[in-house]
Amino acid sequence: MSSTARTRGTPSGRGGLPQAISDSWLVTWRNLKRIPRIPELAIFAILQSIMFVLLFAFVFGGAIPIPGYEGNPNAYREFLMPGIFAQTVVFASGTTAIGMTADVSQGIMDRFRSLPMARSAVLTGRAVSDIVYNAMITVVLVLSGLAVGWTVHTGIGSFLAGFALLMLFTFAMSWLGIWMGLNVPTVEVAQQVIFTILFPITFLSNVFVPPHASMAWNHWIAESLLAAVAGASVGCQTVTP
């Protein structure tokens, strides 16, 4: 009986932050191992992002002028790519929501609760694995962007800083996906929630169309979203040591 109690409790010599970090890493590794086992997840996520790049760059790009760059054929493609990076991260949070809902409905979360592990590890491990997963997809998107005419005009330091900010945004969106996944009853409902919440975030922003080219109310929404992102960026710079 004492052995059973010890198994269900916290192992001796562990606990607190060290155990939470160790358990989070184990859950992160568990989530990352799904990528080679189910390669279709990454393949179709990459193909979807590349599809958006090609469709908007070559189908709509000629009809959407960028102020001050009307004679530059690559202007819209360079305007588009940062938005595609952000959109990919936003849509990836939908995959997180579906994964969390599946874990709950299949009883995996109940199994985790019965183990002597930190409860925060399940959620933290999911968020950290999303950063690694989206970093790999972003590298592919960078290569596809370079192929269609997108160019890095700043130094390598600014580029890496922008990449780090995108990963910080990935971490934030992962928690949104976790919250959605834990608050819907089935995977089918999670899929509907994704389209209801995530699509307006991208198409009401200035990802695909400059704010001046949209309607007045949409212009206001896009400017508000842009100001929020800029404020978050300034806040990150302020707390940087």
C-alpha atoms as a PDB file:
ATOM      1  CA  MET A   1       0.000   0.000   0.000  1.00  0.00           C
ATOM      2  CA  SER A   2       2.827   2.382   0.793  1.00  0.00           C
ATOM      3  CA  SER A   3       4.388   1.499  -2.553  1.00  0.00           C
ATOM      4  CA  THR A   4       1.192   2.451  -4.357  1.00  0.00           C
ATOM      5  CA  ALA A   5       0.987   5.752  -2.551  1.00  0.00           C
ATOM      6  CA  ARG A   6       4.601   6.501  -3.427  1.00  0.00           C
ATOM      7  CA  THR A   7       3.912   5.751  -7.093  1.00  0.00           C
ATOM      8  CA  ARG A   8       0.970   8.140  -7.229  1.00  0.00           C
ATOM      9  CA  GLY A   9       2.750  10.878  -5.377  1.00  0.00           C
ATOM     10  CA  THR A  10       5.796  12.912  -6.200  1.00  0.00           C
ATOM     11  CA  PRO A  11       8.988  10.808  -6.375  1.00  0.00           C
ATOM     12  CA  SER A  12      11.370  11.371  -3.519  1.00  0.00           C
ATOM     13  CA  GLY A  13      14.218  13.736  -4.308  1.00  0.00           C
ATOM     14  CA  ARG A  14      12.263  15.553  -7.019  1.00  0.00           C
ATOM     15  CA  GLY A  15       9.643  18.211  -7.185  1.00  0.00           C
ATOM     16  CA  GLY A  16       9.125  21.868  -7.890  1.00  0.00           C
ATOM     17  CA  LEU A  17      10.721  23.581 -10.847  1.00  0.00           C
ATOM     18  CA  PRO A  18      13.317  20.859 -11.685  1.00  0.00           C
ATOM     19  CA  GLN A  19      10.613  18.228 -12.043  1.00  0.00           C
ATOM     20  CA  ALA A  20       8.407  20.583 -14.069  1.00  0.00           C
ATOM     21  CA  ILE A  21      11.266  21.283 -16.496  1.00  0.00           C
ATOM     22  CA  SER A  22      12.165  17.605 -16.807  1.00  0.00           C
ATOM     23  CA  ASP A  23       8.565  16.525 -17.323  1.00  0.00           C
ATOM     24  CA  SER A  24       7.953  19.333 -19.815  1.00  0.00           C
ATOM     25  CA  TRP A  25      10.930  18.187 -21.852  1.00  0.00           C
ATOM     26  CA  LEU A  26       9.608  14.607 -21.888  1.00  0.00           C
ATOM     27  CA  VAL A  27       6.202  15.782 -23.117  1.00  0.00           C
ATOM     28  CA  THR A  28       7.902  18.000 -25.701  1.00  0.00           C
ATOM     29  CA  TRP A  29       9.872  15.016 -26.967  1.00  0.00           C
ATOM     30  CA  ARG A  30       6.688  12.937 -27.052  1.00  0.00           C
ATOM     31  CA  ASN A  31       5.005  15.540 -29.275  1.00  0.00           C
ATOM     32  CA  LEU A  32       8.020  15.953 -31.562  1.00  0.00           C
ATOM     33  CA  LYS A  33       8.243  12.198 -32.117  1.00  0.00           C
ATOM     34  CA  ARG A  34       4.857  12.407 -33.838  1.00  0.00           C
ATOM     35  CA  ILE A  35       6.392  14.357 -36.736  1.00  0.00           C
ATOM     36  CA  PRO A  36       8.427  11.481 -38.270  1.00  0.00           C
ATOM     37  CA  ARG A  37       5.691   9.018 -37.363  1.00  0.00           C
ATOM     38  CA  ILE A  38       2.969  11.145 -39.006  1.00  0.00           C
ATOM     39  CA  PRO A  39       4.905  13.130 -41.648  1.00  0.00           C
ATOM     40  CA  GLU A  40       1.665  14.153 -43.359  1.00  0.00           C
ATOM     41  CA  LEU A  41       1.108  16.720 -40.590  1.00  0.00           C
ATOM     42  CA  ALA A  42       4.206  18.703 -41.524  1.00  0.00           C
ATOM     43  CA  ILE A  43       3.946  18.015 -45.255  1.00  0.00           C
ATOM     44  CA  PHE A  44       0.431  19.375 -45.628  1.00  0.00           C
ATOM     45  CA  ALA A  45       1.143  22.324 -43.321  1.00  0.00           C
ATOM     46  CA  ILE A  46       4.085  23.284 -45.542  1.00  0.00           C
ATOM     47  CA  LEU A  47       2.112  22.727 -48.752  1.00  0.00           C
ATOM     48  CA  GLN A  48      -0.749  24.856 -47.453  1.00  0.00           C
ATOM     49  CA  SER A  49       1.582  27.740 -46.662  1.00  0.00           C
ATOM     50  CA  ILE A  50       3.365  27.497 -50.009  1.00  0.00           C
ATOM     51  CA  MET A  51      -0.031  27.378 -51.731  1.00  0.00           C
ATOM     52  CA  PHE A  52      -0.993  30.685 -50.104  1.00  0.00           C
ATOM     53  CA  VAL A  53       2.314  32.217 -51.238  1.00  0.00           C
ATOM     54  CA  LEU A  54       1.854  31.130 -54.850  1.00  0.00           C
ATOM     55  CA  LEU A  55      -1.841  32.031 -55.046  1.00  0.00           C
ATOM     56  CA  PHE A  56      -1.525  35.527 -53.643  1.00  0.00           C
ATOM     57  CA  ALA A  57       1.849  36.285 -55.224  1.00  0.00           C
ATOM     58  CA  PHE A  58       0.999  35.260 -58.782  1.00  0.00           C
ATOM     59  CA  VAL A  59      -2.826  35.375 -58.931  1.00  0.00           C
ATOM     60  CA  PHE A  60      -3.677  38.480 -56.881  1.00  0.00           C
ATOM     61  CA  GLY A  61      -0.302  40.197 -56.711  1.00  0.00           C
ATOM     62  CA  GLY A  62      -0.681  42.040 -60.009  1.00  0.00           C
ATOM     63  CA  ALA A  63      -4.016  43.526 -58.938  1.00  0.00           C
ATOM     64  CA  ILE A  64      -2.924  44.838 -55.516  1.00  0.00           C
ATOM     65  CA  PRO A  65      -0.593  47.849 -55.810  1.00  0.00           C
ATOM     66  CA  ILE A  66       1.757  48.830 -53.006  1.00  0.00           C
ATOM     67  CA  PRO A  67       1.968  52.627 -52.501  1.00  0.00           C
ATOM     68  CA  GLY A  68       5.275  53.966 -53.766  1.00  0.00           C
ATOM     69  CA  TYR A  69       6.279  50.699 -55.443  1.00  0.00           C
ATOM     70  CA  GLU A  70       3.840  50.519 -58.371  1.00  0.00           C
ATOM     71  CA  GLY A  71       6.581  49.757 -60.882  1.00  0.00           C
ATOM     72  CA  ASN A  72       8.255  47.032 -58.832  1.00  0.00           C
ATOM     73  CA  PRO A  73       6.907  43.551 -59.731  1.00  0.00           C
ATOM     74  CA  ASN A  74       8.287  42.085 -56.495  1.00  0.00           C
ATOM     75  CA  ALA A  75       6.751  44.743 -54.231  1.00  0.00           C
ATOM     76  CA  TYR A  76       3.632  42.776 -53.356  1.00  0.00           C
ATOM     77  CA  ARG A  77       5.591  39.572 -52.829  1.00  0.00           C
ATOM     78  CA  GLU A  78       7.849  41.287 -50.331  1.00  0.00           C
ATOM     79  CA  PHE A  79       4.795  42.817 -48.648  1.00  0.00           C
ATOM     80  CA  LEU A  80       3.101  39.407 -48.572  1.00  0.00           C
ATOM     81  CA  MET A  81       5.795  37.186 -47.063  1.00  0.00           C
ATOM     82  CA  PRO A  82       5.877  38.597 -43.487  1.00  0.00           C
ATOM     83  CA  GLY A  83       2.112  38.187 -43.389  1.00  0.00           C
ATOM     84  CA  ILE A  84       2.400  34.596 -44.595  1.00  0.00           C
ATOM     85  CA  PHE A  85       4.852  33.893 -41.763  1.00  0.00           C
ATOM     86  CA  ALA A  86       2.366  35.267 -39.216  1.00  0.00           C
ATOM     87  CA  GLN A  87      -0.590  33.513 -40.855  1.00  0.00           C
ATOM     88  CA  THR A  88       1.185  30.162 -40.734  1.00  0.00           C
ATOM     89  CA  VAL A  89       1.729  30.578 -36.998  1.00  0.00           C
ATOM     90  CA  VAL A  90      -1.915  31.559 -36.456  1.00  0.00           C
ATOM     91  CA  PHE A  91      -3.187  28.535 -38.383  1.00  0.00           C
ATOM     92  CA  ALA A  92      -0.745  26.262 -36.548  1.00  0.00           C
ATOM     93  CA  SER A  93      -2.514  27.117 -33.294  1.00  0.00           C
ATOM     94  CA  GLY A  94      -5.532  25.388 -34.811  1.00  0.00           C
ATOM     95  CA  THR A  95      -3.510  22.200 -35.106  1.00  0.00           C
ATOM     96  CA  THR A  96      -2.610  22.621 -31.447  1.00  0.00           C
ATOM     97  CA  ALA A  97      -6.284  22.957 -30.518  1.00  0.00           C
ATOM     98  CA  ILE A  98      -7.193  19.793 -32.417  1.00  0.00           C
ATOM     99  CA  GLY A  99      -4.316  17.875 -30.828  1.00  0.00           C
ATOM    100  CA  MET A 100      -5.300  18.932 -27.324  1.00  0.00           C
ATOM    101  CA  THR A 101      -8.946  18.042 -27.934  1.00  0.00           C
ATOM    102  CA  ALA A 102      -7.912  14.624 -29.252  1.00  0.00           C
ATOM    103  CA  ASP A 103      -5.756  13.975 -26.170  1.00  0.00           C
ATOM    104  CA  VAL A 104      -8.657  14.823 -23.886  1.00  0.00           C
ATOM    105  CA  SER A 105     -11.264  12.790 -25.787  1.00  0.00           C
ATOM    106  CA  GLN A 106      -8.972   9.743 -26.060  1.00  0.00           C
ATOM    107  CA  GLY A 107      -8.222   9.685 -22.343  1.00  0.00           C
ATOM    108  CA  ILE A 108      -4.540  10.580 -22.685  1.00  0.00           C
ATOM    109  CA  MET A 109      -4.937  13.552 -20.357  1.00  0.00           C
ATOM    110  CA  ASP A 110      -6.462  11.288 -17.715  1.00  0.00           C
ATOM    111  CA  ARG A 111      -3.479   8.986 -18.083  1.00  0.00           C
ATOM    112  CA  PHE A 112      -1.103  11.899 -17.566  1.00  0.00           C
ATOM    113  CA  ARG A 113      -2.984  12.908 -14.412  1.00  0.00           C
ATOM    114  CA  SER A 114      -2.433   9.434 -12.953  1.00  0.00           C
ATOM    115  CA  LEU A 115       1.348   9.671 -13.417  1.00  0.00           C
ATOM    116  CA  PRO A 116       3.776  11.236 -10.905  1.00  0.00           C
ATOM    117  CA  MET A 117       4.504  14.253 -13.076  1.00  0.00           C
ATOM    118  CA  ALA A 118       4.014  18.002 -12.982  1.00  0.00           C
ATOM    119  CA  ARG A 119       0.570  18.949 -14.242  1.00  0.00           C
ATOM    120  CA  SER A 120       1.934  21.976 -16.071  1.00  0.00           C
ATOM    121  CA  ALA A 121       4.239  19.755 -18.133  1.00  0.00           C
ATOM    122  CA  VAL A 122       1.485  18.612 -20.496  1.00  0.00           C
ATOM    123  CA  LEU A 123       0.628  22.159 -21.531  1.00  0.00           C
ATOM    124  CA  THR A 124       4.159  23.549 -21.481  1.00  0.00           C
ATOM    125  CA  GLY A 125       5.465  20.589 -23.458  1.00  0.00           C
ATOM    126  CA  ARG A 126       2.840  21.192 -26.125  1.00  0.00           C
ATOM    127  CA  ALA A 127       3.725  24.897 -26.398  1.00  0.00           C
ATOM    128  CA  VAL A 128       7.477  24.255 -26.606  1.00  0.00           C
ATOM    129  CA  SER A 129       7.071  21.522 -29.224  1.00  0.00           C
ATOM    130  CA  ASP A 130       4.980  23.954 -31.283  1.00  0.00           C
ATOM    131  CA  ILE A 131       7.928  26.369 -31.344  1.00  0.00           C
ATOM    132  CA  VAL A 132      10.230  23.672 -32.751  1.00  0.00           C
ATOM    133  CA  TYR A 133       7.588  22.476 -35.220  1.00  0.00           C
ATOM    134  CA  ASN A 134       6.817  25.966 -36.527  1.00  0.00           C
ATOM    135  CA  ALA A 135      10.500  26.890 -36.705  1.00  0.00           C
ATOM    136  CA  MET A 136      11.059  24.061 -39.184  1.00  0.00           C
ATOM    137  CA  ILE A 137       8.063  25.130 -41.275  1.00  0.00           C
ATOM    138  CA  THR A 138       9.237  28.761 -41.200  1.00  0.00           C
ATOM    139  CA  VAL A 139      12.616  27.759 -42.632  1.00  0.00           C
ATOM    140  CA  VAL A 140      10.830  26.162 -45.595  1.00  0.00           C
ATOM    141  CA  LEU A 141       8.700  29.285 -46.014  1.00  0.00           C
ATOM    142  CA  VAL A 142      11.790  31.500 -46.008  1.00  0.00           C
ATOM    143  CA  LEU A 143      13.239  29.439 -48.845  1.00  0.00           C
ATOM    144  CA  SER A 144       9.986  29.584 -50.820  1.00  0.00           C
ATOM    145  CA  GLY A 145       9.792  33.341 -50.240  1.00  0.00           C
ATOM    146  CA  LEU A 146      13.304  33.827 -51.582  1.00  0.00           C
ATOM    147  CA  ALA A 147      12.278  31.792 -54.618  1.00  0.00           C
ATOM    148  CA  VAL A 148       9.360  34.110 -55.490  1.00  0.00           C
ATOM    149  CA  GLY A 149      11.263  37.363 -55.009  1.00  0.00           C
ATOM    150  CA  TRP A 150      11.202  38.153 -51.292  1.00  0.00           C
ATOM    151  CA  THR A 151      14.500  39.601 -50.050  1.00  0.00           C
ATOM    152  CA  VAL A 152      16.055  40.325 -46.661  1.00  0.00           C
ATOM    153  CA  HIS A 153      17.088  43.976 -46.823  1.00  0.00           C
ATOM    154  CA  THR A 154      18.574  44.210 -43.323  1.00  0.00           C
ATOM    155  CA  GLY A 155      21.517  42.464 -41.731  1.00  0.00           C
ATOM    156  CA  ILE A 156      21.598  38.954 -40.350  1.00  0.00           C
ATOM    157  CA  GLY A 157      21.158  40.291 -36.821  1.00  0.00           C
ATOM    158  CA  SER A 158      17.859  41.995 -37.642  1.00  0.00           C
ATOM    159  CA  PHE A 159      16.696  38.924 -39.523  1.00  0.00           C
ATOM    160  CA  LEU A 160      17.402  36.657 -36.550  1.00  0.00           C
ATOM    161  CA  ALA A 161      15.720  39.135 -34.201  1.00  0.00           C
ATOM    162  CA  GLY A 162      12.627  39.067 -36.402  1.00  0.00           C
ATOM    163  CA  PHE A 163      12.717  35.273 -36.432  1.00  0.00           C
ATOM    164  CA  ALA A 164      12.946  35.239 -32.630  1.00  0.00           C
ATOM    165  CA  LEU A 165       9.958  37.613 -32.393  1.00  0.00           C
ATOM    166  CA  LEU A 166       8.006  35.287 -34.697  1.00  0.00           C
ATOM    167  CA  MET A 167       8.806  32.350 -32.407  1.00  0.00           C
ATOM    168  CA  LEU A 168       7.610  34.416 -29.438  1.00  0.00           C
ATOM    169  CA  PHE A 169       4.379  34.995 -31.341  1.00  0.00           C
ATOM    170  CA  THR A 170       4.260  31.226 -31.985  1.00  0.00           C
ATOM    171  CA  PHE A 171       4.507  30.569 -28.253  1.00  0.00           C
ATOM    172  CA  ALA A 172       1.644  32.985 -27.556  1.00  0.00           C
ATOM    173  CA  MET A 173      -0.577  31.491 -30.282  1.00  0.00           C
ATOM    174  CA  SER A 174       0.173  27.990 -29.000  1.00  0.00           C
ATOM    175  CA  TRP A 175      -1.389  28.891 -25.669  1.00  0.00           C
ATOM    176  CA  LEU A 176      -4.441  30.209 -27.509  1.00  0.00           C
ATOM    177  CA  GLY A 177      -4.678  26.861 -29.305  1.00  0.00           C
ATOM    178  CA  ILE A 178      -4.270  24.998 -26.009  1.00  0.00           C
ATOM    179  CA  TRP A 179      -7.057  27.050 -24.460  1.00  0.00           C
ATOM    180  CA  MET A 180      -9.364  26.387 -27.396  1.00  0.00           C
ATOM    181  CA  GLY A 181      -8.554  22.673 -27.378  1.00  0.00           C
ATOM    182  CA  LEU A 182      -9.345  22.301 -23.689  1.00  0.00           C
ATOM    183  CA  ASN A 183     -12.669  24.117 -23.942  1.00  0.00           C
ATOM    184  CA  VAL A 184     -14.377  22.259 -26.799  1.00  0.00           C
ATOM    185  CA  PRO A 185     -15.935  18.793 -26.459  1.00  0.00           C
ATOM    186  CA  THR A 186     -14.873  17.065 -29.693  1.00  0.00           C
ATOM    187  CA  VAL A 187     -12.328  17.295 -32.502  1.00  0.00           C
ATOM    188  CA  GLU A 188     -15.105  18.187 -34.955  1.00  0.00           C
ATOM    189  CA  VAL A 189     -16.080  21.197 -32.856  1.00  0.00           C
ATOM    190  CA  ALA A 190     -12.429  22.217 -32.596  1.00  0.00           C
ATOM    191  CA  GLN A 191     -12.160  22.252 -36.396  1.00  0.00           C
ATOM    192  CA  GLN A 192     -15.196  24.528 -36.655  1.00  0.00           C
ATOM    193  CA  VAL A 193     -13.849  26.842 -33.958  1.00  0.00           C
ATOM    194  CA  ILE A 194     -10.600  27.203 -35.889  1.00  0.00           C
ATOM    195  CA  PHE A 195     -12.356  28.537 -38.984  1.00  0.00           C
ATOM    196  CA  THR A 196     -14.616  30.773 -36.909  1.00  0.00           C
ATOM    197  CA  ILE A 197     -11.858  32.417 -34.863  1.00  0.00           C
ATOM    198  CA  LEU A 198      -8.600  32.140 -36.797  1.00  0.00           C
ATOM    199  CA  PHE A 199      -9.644  33.046 -40.344  1.00  0.00           C
ATOM    200  CA  PRO A 200     -10.995  36.510 -39.393  1.00  0.00           C
ATOM    201  CA  ILE A 201      -7.740  37.263 -37.563  1.00  0.00           C
ATOM    202  CA  THR A 202      -5.763  36.940 -40.801  1.00  0.00           C
ATOM    203  CA  PHE A 203      -8.205  38.297 -43.370  1.00  0.00           C
ATOM    204  CA  LEU A 204      -9.196  41.355 -41.318  1.00  0.00           C
ATOM    205  CA  SER A 205      -5.534  42.265 -40.819  1.00  0.00           C
ATOM    206  CA  ASN A 206      -3.157  43.790 -43.366  1.00  0.00           C
ATOM    207  CA  VAL A 207      -1.595  40.414 -44.213  1.00  0.00           C
ATOM    208  CA  PHE A 208      -2.819  40.274 -47.819  1.00  0.00           C
ATOM    209  CA  VAL A 209      -4.101  43.773 -48.613  1.00  0.00           C
ATOM    210  CA  PRO A 210      -2.584  47.127 -47.522  1.00  0.00           C
ATOM    211  CA  PRO A 211      -4.893  48.953 -45.083  1.00  0.00           C
ATOM    212  CA  HIS A 212      -5.453  51.881 -47.478  1.00  0.00           C
ATOM    213  CA  ALA A 213      -6.991  49.516 -50.068  1.00  0.00           C
ATOM    214  CA  SER A 214      -9.647  48.112 -47.733  1.00  0.00           C
ATOM    215  CA  MET A 215     -12.918  49.549 -46.445  1.00  0.00           C
ATOM    216  CA  ALA A 216     -12.837  52.157 -43.697  1.00  0.00           C
ATOM    217  CA  TRP A 217     -13.954  49.836 -40.896  1.00  0.00           C
ATOM    218  CA  ASN A 218     -11.533  47.136 -42.021  1.00  0.00           C
ATOM    219  CA  HIS A 219      -8.813  49.774 -42.268  1.00  0.00           C
ATOM    220  CA  TRP A 220      -9.422  50.683 -38.620  1.00  0.00           C
ATOM    221  CA  ILE A 221      -9.270  47.029 -37.534  1.00  0.00           C
ATOM    222  CA  ALA A 222      -6.056  46.431 -39.486  1.00  0.00           C
ATOM    223  CA  GLU A 223      -4.433  49.539 -38.036  1.00  0.00           C
ATOM    224  CA  SER A 224      -5.476  48.479 -34.525  1.00  0.00           C
ATOM    225  CA  LEU A 225      -3.981  45.011 -34.996  1.00  0.00           C
ATOM    226  CA  LEU A 226      -0.792  46.564 -36.380  1.00  0.00           C
ATOM    227  CA  ALA A 227      -0.564  48.929 -33.408  1.00  0.00           C
ATOM    228  CA  ALA A 228      -1.050  46.025 -31.002  1.00  0.00           C
ATOM    229  CA  VAL A 229       1.766  44.073 -32.646  1.00  0.00           C
ATOM    230  CA  ALA A 230       4.011  47.144 -32.632  1.00  0.00           C
ATOM    231  CA  GLY A 231       3.252  47.706 -28.952  1.00  0.00           C
ATOM    232  CA  ALA A 232       4.124  44.115 -28.151  1.00  0.00           C
ATOM    233  CA  SER A 233       7.379  44.505 -30.060  1.00  0.00           C
ATOM    234  CA  VAL A 234       8.308  47.662 -28.130  1.00  0.00           C
ATOM    235  CA  GLY A 235       7.455  45.903 -24.879  1.00  0.00           C
ATOM    236  CA  CYS A 236       9.742  43.010 -25.756  1.00  0.00           C
ATOM    237  CA  GLN A 237      12.566  45.450 -26.534  1.00  0.00           C
ATOM    238  CA  THR A 238      11.980  47.223 -23.236  1.00  0.00           C
ATOM    239  CA  VAL A 239      12.377  44.101 -21.123  1.00  0.00           C
ATOM    240  CA  THR A 240      15.326  42.800 -23.096  1.00  0.00           C
ATOM    241  CA  PRO A 241      18.429  42.898 -20.860  1.00  0.00           C
END
